[in-house]
Amino acid sequence: MNIATTKGNARSSLSLPNILTYARIAAIPVVVGCIYAQAIMDGPLWLRWVALAVFIAAAVTDFLDGYYARIWDQHSAFGRMLDPIADKLLVASCLLMLAADGIIHGWTLWAAIVILCREILVSGLREYLAALRVSVPVTKLAKWKTTIQLIAIGFLLAGDAGDQLVGAVVPQLGPVVTQLGLLLLWISAIFTIYTGWDYFRAGIHHLIEEDEG
């Protein structure tokens, strides 16, 4: 691909980074449909592997769209707007389906609630700060939070299928895949609270400055 042409199309809604973001959004109904068919409609367990494979592919596009946007200088306002929305739609949809499935249940529902509430809070703060032309950089801890969150959801999507596979190899372990996914979800929720506080503190700081001004 010609780099000059690529840079010239940086603002195009059909640039490669944006197409990868569209693919991430398109993956959502596939993942949701597979989990719904397997868990709610009592379908075959292999549907969970399909859901996991599509989810992993979608998670990889989250890395690739930013990577290509940087190396090809294809940053655009449209991409900056759509990319975090695609991430939140994917995570929220998976968490809701896993709760409906019963994989996320009991006290672990609070971890999912914390994650969803944080995403709503951050979206509102970003919108407010954007109006003030203030940007809050993504910290390394926030990137780790996202990584752990995606891994947790991946384990939970595998769910019974993963437990069955591991159990066939090491019967003593039990439902280790599901339990590991729930543990990582709690760790992600703790990171979520901390990183969400950073956004909240920045928003309050600029809100106070605007009111005093």
N, C-alpha and C. Protein backbone atom coordinates (compact mmCIF):
# COMPACT_ATOMS: atom_id res chain seq x y z
N MET A 1 0.85 -1.20 0.00
CA MET A 1 0.00 0.00 0.00
C MET A 1 0.88 1.24 0.00
N ASN A 2 0.56 2.22 -0.81
CA ASN A 2 1.33 3.44 -0.91
C ASN A 2 1.13 4.29 0.32
N ILE A 3 2.23 4.63 1.02
CA ILE A 3 2.14 5.38 2.28
C ILE A 3 1.57 6.77 2.05
N ALA A 4 1.98 7.41 0.94
CA ALA A 4 1.49 8.76 0.66
C ALA A 4 -0.02 8.75 0.47
N THR A 5 -0.51 7.74 -0.25
CA THR A 5 -1.95 7.63 -0.46
C THR A 5 -2.67 7.37 0.85
N THR A 6 -2.03 6.54 1.67
CA THR A 6 -2.63 6.22 2.97
C THR A 6 -2.76 7.46 3.82
N LYS A 7 -1.72 8.29 3.85
CA LYS A 7 -1.77 9.52 4.63
C LYS A 7 -2.80 10.48 4.06
N GLY A 8 -2.91 10.47 2.75
CA GLY A 8 -3.88 11.37 2.12
C GLY A 8 -5.30 11.01 2.47
N ASN A 9 -5.52 9.72 2.79
CA ASN A 9 -6.86 9.27 3.15
C ASN A 9 -7.09 9.20 4.65
N ALA A 10 -6.23 9.90 5.41
CA ALA A 10 -6.28 9.78 6.87
C ALA A 10 -7.63 10.15 7.44
N ARG A 11 -8.31 11.08 6.81
CA ARG A 11 -9.60 11.52 7.34
C ARG A 11 -10.77 10.73 6.78
N SER A 12 -10.47 9.78 5.91
CA SER A 12 -11.54 9.00 5.30
C SER A 12 -12.16 8.05 6.31
N SER A 13 -13.49 7.92 6.26
CA SER A 13 -14.16 6.98 7.15
C SER A 13 -13.89 5.55 6.74
N LEU A 14 -13.28 5.35 5.53
CA LEU A 14 -12.96 4.01 5.05
C LEU A 14 -11.46 3.72 5.12
N SER A 15 -10.74 4.45 5.96
CA SER A 15 -9.34 4.13 6.18
C SER A 15 -9.25 2.80 6.92
N LEU A 16 -8.11 2.12 6.83
CA LEU A 16 -7.97 0.80 7.43
C LEU A 16 -8.25 0.80 8.93
N PRO A 17 -7.71 1.75 9.71
CA PRO A 17 -8.03 1.73 11.15
C PRO A 17 -9.53 1.81 11.42
N ASN A 18 -10.25 2.63 10.66
CA ASN A 18 -11.69 2.74 10.87
C ASN A 18 -12.41 1.45 10.44
N ILE A 19 -11.93 0.82 9.37
CA ILE A 19 -12.53 -0.45 8.94
C ILE A 19 -12.36 -1.51 10.03
N LEU A 20 -11.20 -1.52 10.67
CA LEU A 20 -10.97 -2.46 11.77
C LEU A 20 -11.92 -2.18 12.94
N THR A 21 -12.19 -0.90 13.17
CA THR A 21 -13.13 -0.54 14.23
C THR A 21 -14.54 -1.00 13.87
N TYR A 22 -14.92 -0.83 12.58
CA TYR A 22 -16.23 -1.34 12.13
C TYR A 22 -16.32 -2.86 12.35
N ALA A 23 -15.21 -3.55 12.08
CA ALA A 23 -15.20 -5.01 12.24
C ALA A 23 -15.42 -5.39 13.69
N ARG A 24 -14.87 -4.58 14.61
CA ARG A 24 -15.06 -4.85 16.03
C ARG A 24 -16.53 -4.71 16.42
N ILE A 25 -17.19 -3.71 15.86
CA ILE A 25 -18.61 -3.52 16.13
C ILE A 25 -19.43 -4.66 15.50
N ALA A 26 -19.04 -5.06 14.29
CA ALA A 26 -19.76 -6.15 13.60
C ALA A 26 -19.61 -7.47 14.34
N ALA A 27 -18.53 -7.62 15.11
CA ALA A 27 -18.31 -8.86 15.84
C ALA A 27 -19.28 -9.02 17.01
N ILE A 28 -19.82 -7.91 17.49
CA ILE A 28 -20.68 -7.96 18.69
C ILE A 28 -21.89 -8.87 18.51
N PRO A 29 -22.71 -8.68 17.46
CA PRO A 29 -23.88 -9.58 17.33
C PRO A 29 -23.50 -11.04 17.13
N VAL A 30 -22.32 -11.30 16.56
CA VAL A 30 -21.89 -12.69 16.38
C VAL A 30 -21.59 -13.33 17.73
N VAL A 31 -20.83 -12.61 18.56
CA VAL A 31 -20.50 -13.12 19.89
C VAL A 31 -21.76 -13.30 20.72
N VAL A 32 -22.61 -12.27 20.74
CA VAL A 32 -23.85 -12.31 21.51
C VAL A 32 -24.75 -13.45 21.01
N GLY A 33 -24.86 -13.59 19.69
CA GLY A 33 -25.70 -14.62 19.11
C GLY A 33 -25.22 -16.02 19.48
N CYS A 34 -23.92 -16.24 19.47
CA CYS A 34 -23.38 -17.56 19.81
C CYS A 34 -23.66 -17.90 21.28
N ILE A 35 -23.41 -16.95 22.17
CA ILE A 35 -23.65 -17.20 23.60
C ILE A 35 -25.15 -17.39 23.86
N TYR A 36 -25.97 -16.61 23.19
CA TYR A 36 -27.42 -16.74 23.36
C TYR A 36 -27.89 -18.13 22.89
N ALA A 37 -27.40 -18.54 21.73
CA ALA A 37 -27.81 -19.83 21.17
C ALA A 37 -27.34 -20.98 22.05
N GLN A 38 -26.12 -20.86 22.62
CA GLN A 38 -25.59 -21.95 23.43
C GLN A 38 -26.21 -21.98 24.82
N ALA A 39 -26.26 -20.81 25.48
CA ALA A 39 -26.68 -20.79 26.87
C ALA A 39 -28.19 -20.71 27.04
N ILE A 40 -28.82 -19.81 26.31
CA ILE A 40 -30.25 -19.58 26.49
C ILE A 40 -31.07 -20.62 25.73
N MET A 41 -30.61 -20.95 24.50
CA MET A 41 -31.34 -21.91 23.66
C MET A 41 -30.81 -23.34 23.80
N ASP A 42 -29.85 -23.53 24.73
CA ASP A 42 -29.29 -24.85 25.01
C ASP A 42 -28.67 -25.47 23.76
N GLY A 43 -27.85 -24.67 23.08
CA GLY A 43 -27.16 -25.14 21.89
C GLY A 43 -25.89 -25.89 22.23
N PRO A 44 -25.15 -26.35 21.22
CA PRO A 44 -23.92 -27.12 21.44
C PRO A 44 -22.80 -26.25 22.03
N LEU A 45 -21.90 -26.87 22.78
CA LEU A 45 -20.82 -26.14 23.45
C LEU A 45 -19.83 -25.50 22.47
N TRP A 46 -19.74 -26.06 21.25
CA TRP A 46 -18.76 -25.50 20.30
C TRP A 46 -19.09 -24.06 19.94
N LEU A 47 -20.32 -23.64 20.17
CA LEU A 47 -20.68 -22.25 19.91
C LEU A 47 -19.89 -21.29 20.81
N ARG A 48 -19.52 -21.76 22.00
CA ARG A 48 -18.72 -20.93 22.90
C ARG A 48 -17.32 -20.72 22.32
N TRP A 49 -16.79 -21.74 21.65
CA TRP A 49 -15.48 -21.57 21.02
C TRP A 49 -15.56 -20.59 19.86
N VAL A 50 -16.67 -20.63 19.12
CA VAL A 50 -16.85 -19.65 18.04
C VAL A 50 -16.92 -18.25 18.62
N ALA A 51 -17.69 -18.09 19.69
CA ALA A 51 -17.80 -16.78 20.34
C ALA A 51 -16.44 -16.31 20.81
N LEU A 52 -15.66 -17.20 21.40
CA LEU A 52 -14.33 -16.84 21.89
C LEU A 52 -13.41 -16.44 20.75
N ALA A 53 -13.43 -17.20 19.65
CA ALA A 53 -12.57 -16.89 18.50
C ALA A 53 -12.90 -15.52 17.91
N VAL A 54 -14.19 -15.23 17.77
CA VAL A 54 -14.61 -13.93 17.22
C VAL A 54 -14.23 -12.81 18.19
N PHE A 55 -14.39 -13.06 19.49
CA PHE A 55 -14.03 -12.06 20.50
C PHE A 55 -12.54 -11.76 20.47
N ILE A 56 -11.72 -12.80 20.37
CA ILE A 56 -10.27 -12.60 20.30
C ILE A 56 -9.90 -11.80 19.07
N ALA A 57 -10.51 -12.12 17.93
CA ALA A 57 -10.25 -11.37 16.70
C ALA A 57 -10.64 -9.91 16.88
N ALA A 58 -11.77 -9.67 17.54
CA ALA A 58 -12.22 -8.29 17.77
C ALA A 58 -11.25 -7.56 18.69
N ALA A 59 -10.77 -8.26 19.73
CA ALA A 59 -9.81 -7.64 20.65
C ALA A 59 -8.51 -7.29 19.95
N VAL A 60 -8.09 -8.14 19.01
CA VAL A 60 -6.86 -7.87 18.25
C VAL A 60 -7.02 -6.62 17.39
N THR A 61 -8.22 -6.42 16.82
CA THR A 61 -8.43 -5.21 16.01
C THR A 61 -8.30 -3.95 16.85
N ASP A 62 -8.57 -4.05 18.16
CA ASP A 62 -8.42 -2.90 19.05
C ASP A 62 -6.96 -2.44 19.09
N PHE A 63 -6.04 -3.41 19.03
CA PHE A 63 -4.62 -3.07 18.97
C PHE A 63 -4.21 -2.61 17.57
N LEU A 64 -4.70 -3.31 16.55
CA LEU A 64 -4.26 -3.04 15.19
C LEU A 64 -4.73 -1.68 14.68
N ASP A 65 -5.97 -1.26 15.03
CA ASP A 65 -6.43 0.02 14.49
C ASP A 65 -5.58 1.18 15.00
N GLY A 66 -5.20 1.12 16.28
CA GLY A 66 -4.31 2.16 16.82
C GLY A 66 -2.92 2.08 16.23
N TYR A 67 -2.44 0.86 16.00
CA TYR A 67 -1.10 0.66 15.44
C TYR A 67 -1.01 1.23 14.04
N TYR A 68 -1.97 0.89 13.18
CA TYR A 68 -1.94 1.38 11.81
C TYR A 68 -2.22 2.89 11.74
N ALA A 69 -3.04 3.38 12.65
CA ALA A 69 -3.30 4.81 12.67
C ALA A 69 -2.01 5.59 12.97
N ARG A 70 -1.16 5.00 13.82
CA ARG A 70 0.10 5.67 14.17
C ARG A 70 1.12 5.57 13.04
N ILE A 71 1.34 4.36 12.53
CA ILE A 71 2.42 4.21 11.55
C ILE A 71 2.06 4.81 10.20
N TRP A 72 0.77 4.90 9.88
CA TRP A 72 0.35 5.48 8.61
C TRP A 72 -0.22 6.89 8.77
N ASP A 73 -0.14 7.41 9.97
CA ASP A 73 -0.63 8.76 10.25
C ASP A 73 -2.08 8.91 9.78
N GLN A 74 -2.91 7.96 10.21
CA GLN A 74 -4.31 7.96 9.81
C GLN A 74 -5.24 8.35 10.96
N HIS A 75 -4.76 9.21 11.83
CA HIS A 75 -5.59 9.68 12.93
C HIS A 75 -6.70 10.57 12.37
N SER A 76 -7.91 10.38 12.86
CA SER A 76 -9.04 11.21 12.43
C SER A 76 -9.98 11.41 13.60
N ALA A 77 -10.75 12.49 13.55
CA ALA A 77 -11.73 12.76 14.60
C ALA A 77 -12.76 11.64 14.67
N PHE A 78 -13.15 11.14 13.50
CA PHE A 78 -14.14 10.07 13.45
C PHE A 78 -13.61 8.81 14.13
N GLY A 79 -12.36 8.48 13.87
CA GLY A 79 -11.76 7.29 14.49
C GLY A 79 -11.62 7.45 15.99
N ARG A 80 -11.21 8.64 16.44
CA ARG A 80 -11.07 8.88 17.88
C ARG A 80 -12.42 8.79 18.58
N MET A 81 -13.49 9.17 17.88
CA MET A 81 -14.82 9.09 18.46
C MET A 81 -15.32 7.65 18.50
N LEU A 82 -15.12 6.91 17.39
CA LEU A 82 -15.73 5.59 17.27
C LEU A 82 -14.97 4.50 18.02
N ASP A 83 -13.65 4.62 18.11
CA ASP A 83 -12.84 3.56 18.72
C ASP A 83 -13.25 3.24 20.16
N PRO A 84 -13.32 4.23 21.07
CA PRO A 84 -13.73 3.89 22.44
C PRO A 84 -15.18 3.42 22.53
N ILE A 85 -16.03 3.90 21.62
CA ILE A 85 -17.43 3.45 21.61
C ILE A 85 -17.49 1.96 21.26
N ALA A 86 -16.70 1.56 20.26
CA ALA A 86 -16.67 0.15 19.86
C ALA A 86 -16.19 -0.73 21.02
N ASP A 87 -15.17 -0.27 21.73
CA ASP A 87 -14.66 -1.02 22.88
C ASP A 87 -15.74 -1.21 23.94
N LYS A 88 -16.42 -0.12 24.26
CA LYS A 88 -17.44 -0.17 25.31
C LYS A 88 -18.63 -1.03 24.90
N LEU A 89 -19.03 -0.96 23.64
CA LEU A 89 -20.13 -1.79 23.16
C LEU A 89 -19.78 -3.27 23.26
N LEU A 90 -18.56 -3.61 22.89
CA LEU A 90 -18.12 -5.00 22.94
C LEU A 90 -18.10 -5.52 24.36
N VAL A 91 -17.48 -4.77 25.26
CA VAL A 91 -17.37 -5.20 26.66
C VAL A 91 -18.74 -5.28 27.32
N ALA A 92 -19.55 -4.23 27.14
CA ALA A 92 -20.87 -4.19 27.78
C ALA A 92 -21.76 -5.33 27.29
N SER A 93 -21.75 -5.58 25.98
CA SER A 93 -22.57 -6.66 25.41
C SER A 93 -22.17 -8.01 25.97
N CYS A 94 -20.88 -8.25 26.05
CA CYS A 94 -20.40 -9.53 26.57
C CYS A 94 -20.75 -9.70 28.03
N LEU A 95 -20.56 -8.66 28.83
CA LEU A 95 -20.88 -8.75 30.26
C LEU A 95 -22.37 -9.02 30.48
N LEU A 96 -23.21 -8.36 29.70
CA LEU A 96 -24.66 -8.56 29.84
C LEU A 96 -25.05 -9.99 29.47
N MET A 97 -24.47 -10.52 28.39
CA MET A 97 -24.79 -11.88 27.98
C MET A 97 -24.26 -12.90 28.97
N LEU A 98 -23.08 -12.65 29.54
CA LEU A 98 -22.52 -13.56 30.52
C LEU A 98 -23.33 -13.55 31.81
N ALA A 99 -23.92 -12.40 32.14
CA ALA A 99 -24.81 -12.33 33.29
C ALA A 99 -26.11 -13.09 33.01
N ALA A 100 -26.63 -12.92 31.81
CA ALA A 100 -27.85 -13.66 31.42
C ALA A 100 -27.59 -15.16 31.39
N ASP A 101 -26.38 -15.53 31.01
CA ASP A 101 -25.98 -16.94 30.94
C ASP A 101 -25.86 -17.55 32.33
N GLY A 102 -25.58 -16.68 33.33
CA GLY A 102 -25.39 -17.18 34.69
C GLY A 102 -23.93 -17.43 35.03
N ILE A 103 -23.04 -17.25 34.07
CA ILE A 103 -21.60 -17.38 34.34
C ILE A 103 -21.19 -16.31 35.35
N ILE A 104 -21.63 -15.08 35.11
CA ILE A 104 -21.45 -14.00 36.08
C ILE A 104 -22.69 -13.98 36.96
N HIS A 105 -22.51 -14.27 38.23
CA HIS A 105 -23.66 -14.37 39.12
C HIS A 105 -23.23 -14.01 40.55
N GLY A 106 -24.21 -13.90 41.43
CA GLY A 106 -23.92 -13.62 42.83
C GLY A 106 -23.13 -12.34 43.01
N TRP A 107 -22.12 -12.40 43.87
CA TRP A 107 -21.32 -11.21 44.17
C TRP A 107 -20.54 -10.72 42.96
N THR A 108 -20.24 -11.61 42.02
CA THR A 108 -19.47 -11.20 40.84
C THR A 108 -20.25 -10.22 39.97
N LEU A 109 -21.57 -10.20 40.12
CA LEU A 109 -22.36 -9.21 39.39
C LEU A 109 -21.93 -7.80 39.74
N TRP A 110 -21.46 -7.62 40.99
CA TRP A 110 -21.01 -6.28 41.39
C TRP A 110 -19.77 -5.85 40.62
N ALA A 111 -18.91 -6.80 40.31
CA ALA A 111 -17.72 -6.48 39.50
C ALA A 111 -18.14 -5.99 38.13
N ALA A 112 -19.12 -6.69 37.52
CA ALA A 112 -19.62 -6.29 36.21
C ALA A 112 -20.30 -4.93 36.28
N ILE A 113 -21.06 -4.68 37.35
CA ILE A 113 -21.74 -3.39 37.51
C ILE A 113 -20.73 -2.26 37.64
N VAL A 114 -19.67 -2.49 38.42
CA VAL A 114 -18.62 -1.48 38.58
C VAL A 114 -18.00 -1.14 37.23
N ILE A 115 -17.70 -2.16 36.43
CA ILE A 115 -17.09 -1.95 35.12
C ILE A 115 -18.02 -1.14 34.20
N LEU A 116 -19.29 -1.52 34.17
CA LEU A 116 -20.25 -0.83 33.31
C LEU A 116 -20.47 0.61 33.76
N CYS A 117 -20.58 0.82 35.08
CA CYS A 117 -20.78 2.18 35.60
C CYS A 117 -19.57 3.06 35.31
N ARG A 118 -18.40 2.48 35.42
CA ARG A 118 -17.18 3.25 35.12
C ARG A 118 -17.15 3.69 33.66
N GLU A 119 -17.57 2.79 32.76
CA GLU A 119 -17.56 3.14 31.34
C GLU A 119 -18.53 4.29 31.06
N ILE A 120 -19.68 4.28 31.72
CA ILE A 120 -20.64 5.37 31.54
C ILE A 120 -20.08 6.67 32.10
N LEU A 121 -19.46 6.58 33.29
CA LEU A 121 -18.87 7.76 33.92
C LEU A 121 -17.79 8.37 33.05
N VAL A 122 -16.89 7.53 32.55
CA VAL A 122 -15.78 8.02 31.73
C VAL A 122 -16.29 8.62 30.42
N SER A 123 -17.31 8.01 29.84
CA SER A 123 -17.88 8.56 28.60
C SER A 123 -18.42 9.96 28.83
N GLY A 124 -19.15 10.14 29.94
CA GLY A 124 -19.68 11.46 30.25
C GLY A 124 -18.59 12.48 30.52
N LEU A 125 -17.56 12.07 31.26
CA LEU A 125 -16.46 12.99 31.56
C LEU A 125 -15.67 13.35 30.31
N ARG A 126 -15.46 12.38 29.44
CA ARG A 126 -14.74 12.66 28.19
C ARG A 126 -15.51 13.66 27.34
N GLU A 127 -16.83 13.51 27.30
CA GLU A 127 -17.65 14.44 26.53
C GLU A 127 -17.54 15.85 27.11
N TYR A 128 -17.58 15.93 28.44
CA TYR A 128 -17.48 17.23 29.11
C TYR A 128 -16.10 17.85 28.88
N LEU A 129 -15.04 17.05 29.08
CA LEU A 129 -13.69 17.58 28.92
C LEU A 129 -13.39 17.93 27.46
N ALA A 130 -13.98 17.20 26.53
CA ALA A 130 -13.77 17.50 25.11
C ALA A 130 -14.35 18.87 24.78
N ALA A 131 -15.47 19.22 25.41
CA ALA A 131 -16.06 20.54 25.18
C ALA A 131 -15.15 21.64 25.68
N LEU A 132 -14.32 21.33 26.69
CA LEU A 132 -13.35 22.30 27.21
C LEU A 132 -12.01 22.20 26.50
N ARG A 133 -11.95 21.33 25.50
CA ARG A 133 -10.71 21.07 24.74
C ARG A 133 -9.60 20.58 25.68
N VAL A 134 -9.98 19.71 26.60
CA VAL A 134 -9.04 19.11 27.53
C VAL A 134 -9.01 17.61 27.27
N SER A 135 -7.83 17.05 27.15
CA SER A 135 -7.71 15.61 26.94
C SER A 135 -7.03 14.98 28.15
N VAL A 136 -7.49 13.80 28.51
CA VAL A 136 -6.87 13.05 29.61
C VAL A 136 -6.16 11.85 29.00
N PRO A 137 -4.83 11.82 29.05
CA PRO A 137 -4.09 10.72 28.42
C PRO A 137 -4.40 9.39 29.07
N VAL A 138 -4.36 8.33 28.27
CA VAL A 138 -4.57 6.98 28.78
C VAL A 138 -3.31 6.52 29.49
N THR A 139 -3.43 6.13 30.74
CA THR A 139 -2.28 5.70 31.53
C THR A 139 -1.95 4.24 31.24
N LYS A 140 -0.75 3.83 31.65
CA LYS A 140 -0.36 2.43 31.50
C LYS A 140 -1.26 1.53 32.33
N LEU A 141 -1.68 2.02 33.51
CA LEU A 141 -2.56 1.22 34.35
C LEU A 141 -3.91 0.99 33.67
N ALA A 142 -4.39 2.02 32.97
CA ALA A 142 -5.66 1.88 32.24
C ALA A 142 -5.52 0.85 31.12
N LYS A 143 -4.36 0.81 30.48
CA LYS A 143 -4.12 -0.18 29.43
C LYS A 143 -4.07 -1.59 30.02
N TRP A 144 -3.46 -1.71 31.20
CA TRP A 144 -3.43 -3.00 31.87
C TRP A 144 -4.84 -3.43 32.28
N LYS A 145 -5.62 -2.45 32.74
CA LYS A 145 -7.02 -2.73 33.11
C LYS A 145 -7.78 -3.30 31.93
N THR A 146 -7.62 -2.67 30.77
CA THR A 146 -8.31 -3.13 29.57
C THR A 146 -7.86 -4.53 29.18
N THR A 147 -6.55 -4.78 29.27
CA THR A 147 -6.01 -6.09 28.91
C THR A 147 -6.57 -7.18 29.83
N ILE A 148 -6.54 -6.95 31.14
CA ILE A 148 -7.06 -7.93 32.10
C ILE A 148 -8.55 -8.14 31.89
N GLN A 149 -9.26 -7.06 31.60
CA GLN A 149 -10.70 -7.13 31.37
C GLN A 149 -11.03 -8.01 30.17
N LEU A 150 -10.29 -7.82 29.08
CA LEU A 150 -10.51 -8.62 27.88
C LEU A 150 -10.17 -10.09 28.09
N ILE A 151 -9.08 -10.34 28.83
CA ILE A 151 -8.69 -11.73 29.12
C ILE A 151 -9.76 -12.40 29.99
N ALA A 152 -10.26 -11.65 30.98
CA ALA A 152 -11.31 -12.19 31.86
C ALA A 152 -12.55 -12.57 31.05
N ILE A 153 -12.97 -11.68 30.18
CA ILE A 153 -14.15 -11.96 29.36
C ILE A 153 -13.90 -13.15 28.44
N GLY A 154 -12.68 -13.26 27.92
CA GLY A 154 -12.33 -14.40 27.08
C GLY A 154 -12.49 -15.72 27.81
N PHE A 155 -11.97 -15.79 29.05
CA PHE A 155 -12.11 -17.00 29.85
C PHE A 155 -13.58 -17.31 30.12
N LEU A 156 -14.36 -16.27 30.42
CA LEU A 156 -15.77 -16.48 30.74
C LEU A 156 -16.59 -16.87 29.52
N LEU A 157 -16.19 -16.38 28.36
CA LEU A 157 -16.87 -16.80 27.13
C LEU A 157 -16.63 -18.28 26.86
N ALA A 158 -15.42 -18.73 27.14
CA ALA A 158 -15.13 -20.16 26.98
C ALA A 158 -15.98 -20.97 27.96
N GLY A 159 -16.09 -20.45 29.19
CA GLY A 159 -17.00 -21.00 30.19
C GLY A 159 -17.00 -22.52 30.30
N ASP A 160 -18.18 -23.12 30.15
CA ASP A 160 -18.34 -24.57 30.30
C ASP A 160 -17.49 -25.35 29.30
N ALA A 161 -17.35 -24.80 28.11
CA ALA A 161 -16.55 -25.49 27.09
C ALA A 161 -15.09 -25.55 27.54
N GLY A 162 -14.58 -24.45 28.07
CA GLY A 162 -13.21 -24.43 28.58
C GLY A 162 -13.03 -25.35 29.77
N ASP A 163 -14.01 -25.32 30.69
CA ASP A 163 -13.96 -26.20 31.86
C ASP A 163 -13.96 -27.66 31.45
N GLN A 164 -14.77 -27.98 30.47
CA GLN A 164 -14.86 -29.37 29.99
C GLN A 164 -13.55 -29.82 29.37
N LEU A 165 -12.92 -28.94 28.60
CA LEU A 165 -11.65 -29.28 27.95
C LEU A 165 -10.56 -29.50 28.99
N VAL A 166 -10.44 -28.56 29.94
CA VAL A 166 -9.41 -28.70 30.98
C VAL A 166 -9.71 -29.91 31.86
N GLY A 167 -10.99 -30.12 32.16
CA GLY A 167 -11.37 -31.26 33.00
C GLY A 167 -11.04 -32.59 32.36
N ALA A 168 -11.10 -32.64 31.04
CA ALA A 168 -10.77 -33.88 30.34
C ALA A 168 -9.28 -34.20 30.45
N VAL A 169 -8.47 -33.14 30.57
CA VAL A 169 -7.02 -33.32 30.67
C VAL A 169 -6.60 -33.51 32.12
N VAL A 170 -7.10 -32.62 33.00
CA VAL A 170 -6.76 -32.68 34.43
C VAL A 170 -8.06 -32.64 35.23
N PRO A 171 -8.68 -33.77 35.49
CA PRO A 171 -9.98 -33.81 36.16
C PRO A 171 -9.99 -33.15 37.54
N GLN A 172 -8.83 -33.11 38.22
CA GLN A 172 -8.78 -32.58 39.57
C GLN A 172 -9.00 -31.07 39.63
N LEU A 173 -8.80 -30.39 38.52
CA LEU A 173 -8.86 -28.93 38.54
C LEU A 173 -10.29 -28.40 38.63
N GLY A 174 -11.26 -29.12 38.13
CA GLY A 174 -12.64 -28.64 38.17
C GLY A 174 -12.86 -27.49 37.19
N PRO A 175 -13.84 -26.61 37.49
CA PRO A 175 -14.17 -25.51 36.56
C PRO A 175 -13.16 -24.36 36.65
N VAL A 176 -11.90 -24.67 36.36
CA VAL A 176 -10.84 -23.69 36.57
C VAL A 176 -10.93 -22.52 35.60
N VAL A 177 -11.38 -22.75 34.39
CA VAL A 177 -11.45 -21.68 33.39
C VAL A 177 -12.45 -20.61 33.82
N THR A 178 -13.63 -21.04 34.25
CA THR A 178 -14.64 -20.08 34.70
C THR A 178 -14.17 -19.35 35.96
N GLN A 179 -13.60 -20.08 36.91
CA GLN A 179 -13.15 -19.45 38.16
C GLN A 179 -12.03 -18.45 37.91
N LEU A 180 -11.13 -18.78 37.01
CA LEU A 180 -10.04 -17.85 36.68
C LEU A 180 -10.60 -16.60 36.02
N GLY A 181 -11.59 -16.78 35.15
CA GLY A 181 -12.22 -15.63 34.51
C GLY A 181 -12.90 -14.72 35.51
N LEU A 182 -13.57 -15.29 36.50
CA LEU A 182 -14.24 -14.50 37.54
C LEU A 182 -13.23 -13.76 38.40
N LEU A 183 -12.12 -14.42 38.71
CA LEU A 183 -11.06 -13.77 39.49
C LEU A 183 -10.48 -12.58 38.74
N LEU A 184 -10.19 -12.77 37.45
CA LEU A 184 -9.64 -11.68 36.64
C LEU A 184 -10.65 -10.54 36.48
N LEU A 185 -11.93 -10.88 36.47
CA LEU A 185 -12.96 -9.85 36.38
C LEU A 185 -12.95 -8.97 37.62
N TRP A 186 -12.76 -9.58 38.79
CA TRP A 186 -12.66 -8.80 40.03
C TRP A 186 -11.41 -7.92 40.03
N ILE A 187 -10.30 -8.46 39.56
CA ILE A 187 -9.07 -7.66 39.48
C ILE A 187 -9.28 -6.48 38.54
N SER A 188 -9.93 -6.74 37.40
CA SER A 188 -10.24 -5.69 36.45
C SER A 188 -11.14 -4.62 37.08
N ALA A 189 -12.11 -5.05 37.89
CA ALA A 189 -13.02 -4.11 38.54
C ALA A 189 -12.26 -3.20 39.50
N ILE A 190 -11.29 -3.76 40.22
CA ILE A 190 -10.48 -2.95 41.15
C ILE A 190 -9.67 -1.91 40.38
N PHE A 191 -9.04 -2.33 39.28
CA PHE A 191 -8.31 -1.39 38.42
C PHE A 191 -9.26 -0.35 37.83
N THR A 192 -10.46 -0.79 37.52
CA THR A 192 -11.47 0.09 36.94
C THR A 192 -11.82 1.23 37.88
N ILE A 193 -11.97 0.92 39.16
CA ILE A 193 -12.29 1.95 40.16
C ILE A 193 -11.16 2.97 40.23
N TYR A 194 -9.92 2.48 40.25
CA TYR A 194 -8.77 3.39 40.38
C TYR A 194 -8.62 4.29 39.16
N THR A 195 -8.68 3.69 37.96
CA THR A 195 -8.51 4.50 36.75
C THR A 195 -9.71 5.42 36.53
N GLY A 196 -10.90 4.97 36.94
CA GLY A 196 -12.08 5.83 36.83
C GLY A 196 -11.97 7.04 37.72
N TRP A 197 -11.33 6.86 38.88
CA TRP A 197 -11.13 7.98 39.79
C TRP A 197 -10.22 9.04 39.16
N ASP A 198 -9.22 8.60 38.39
CA ASP A 198 -8.34 9.55 37.70
C ASP A 198 -9.15 10.46 36.77
N TYR A 199 -10.05 9.86 35.99
CA TYR A 199 -10.90 10.65 35.09
C TYR A 199 -11.82 11.57 35.88
N PHE A 200 -12.40 11.04 36.94
CA PHE A 200 -13.33 11.82 37.75
C PHE A 200 -12.62 13.01 38.39
N ARG A 201 -11.41 12.79 38.89
CA ARG A 201 -10.65 13.86 39.52
C ARG A 201 -10.31 14.95 38.52
N ALA A 202 -9.92 14.54 37.30
CA ALA A 202 -9.62 15.52 36.25
C ALA A 202 -10.86 16.32 35.89
N GLY A 203 -12.00 15.64 35.79
CA GLY A 203 -13.25 16.33 35.45
C GLY A 203 -13.66 17.33 36.52
N ILE A 204 -13.56 16.93 37.79
CA ILE A 204 -13.92 17.83 38.90
C ILE A 204 -12.98 19.03 38.94
N HIS A 205 -11.70 18.80 38.69
CA HIS A 205 -10.72 19.89 38.70
C HIS A 205 -11.07 20.95 37.67
N HIS A 206 -11.38 20.53 36.45
CA HIS A 206 -11.71 21.49 35.39
C HIS A 206 -13.10 22.10 35.62
N LEU A 207 -14.00 21.36 36.24
CA LEU A 207 -15.32 21.90 36.55
C LEU A 207 -15.22 23.03 37.56
N ILE A 208 -14.39 22.82 38.59
CA ILE A 208 -14.19 23.86 39.61
C ILE A 208 -13.54 25.08 38.99
N GLU A 209 -12.55 24.86 38.12
CA GLU A 209 -11.86 25.98 37.47
C GLU A 209 -12.83 26.79 36.61
N GLU A 210 -13.73 26.09 35.89
CA GLU A 210 -14.68 26.78 35.03
C GLU A 210 -15.68 27.59 35.87
N ASP A 211 -16.15 27.01 36.97
CA ASP A 211 -17.10 27.73 37.83
C ASP A 211 -16.46 28.95 38.47
N GLU A 212 -15.19 28.82 38.89
CA GLU A 212 -14.49 29.96 39.51
C GLU A 212 -14.17 31.03 38.48
N GLY A 213 -13.95 30.58 37.22
CA GLY A 213 -13.64 31.55 36.17
C GLY A 213 -14.86 32.33 35.75
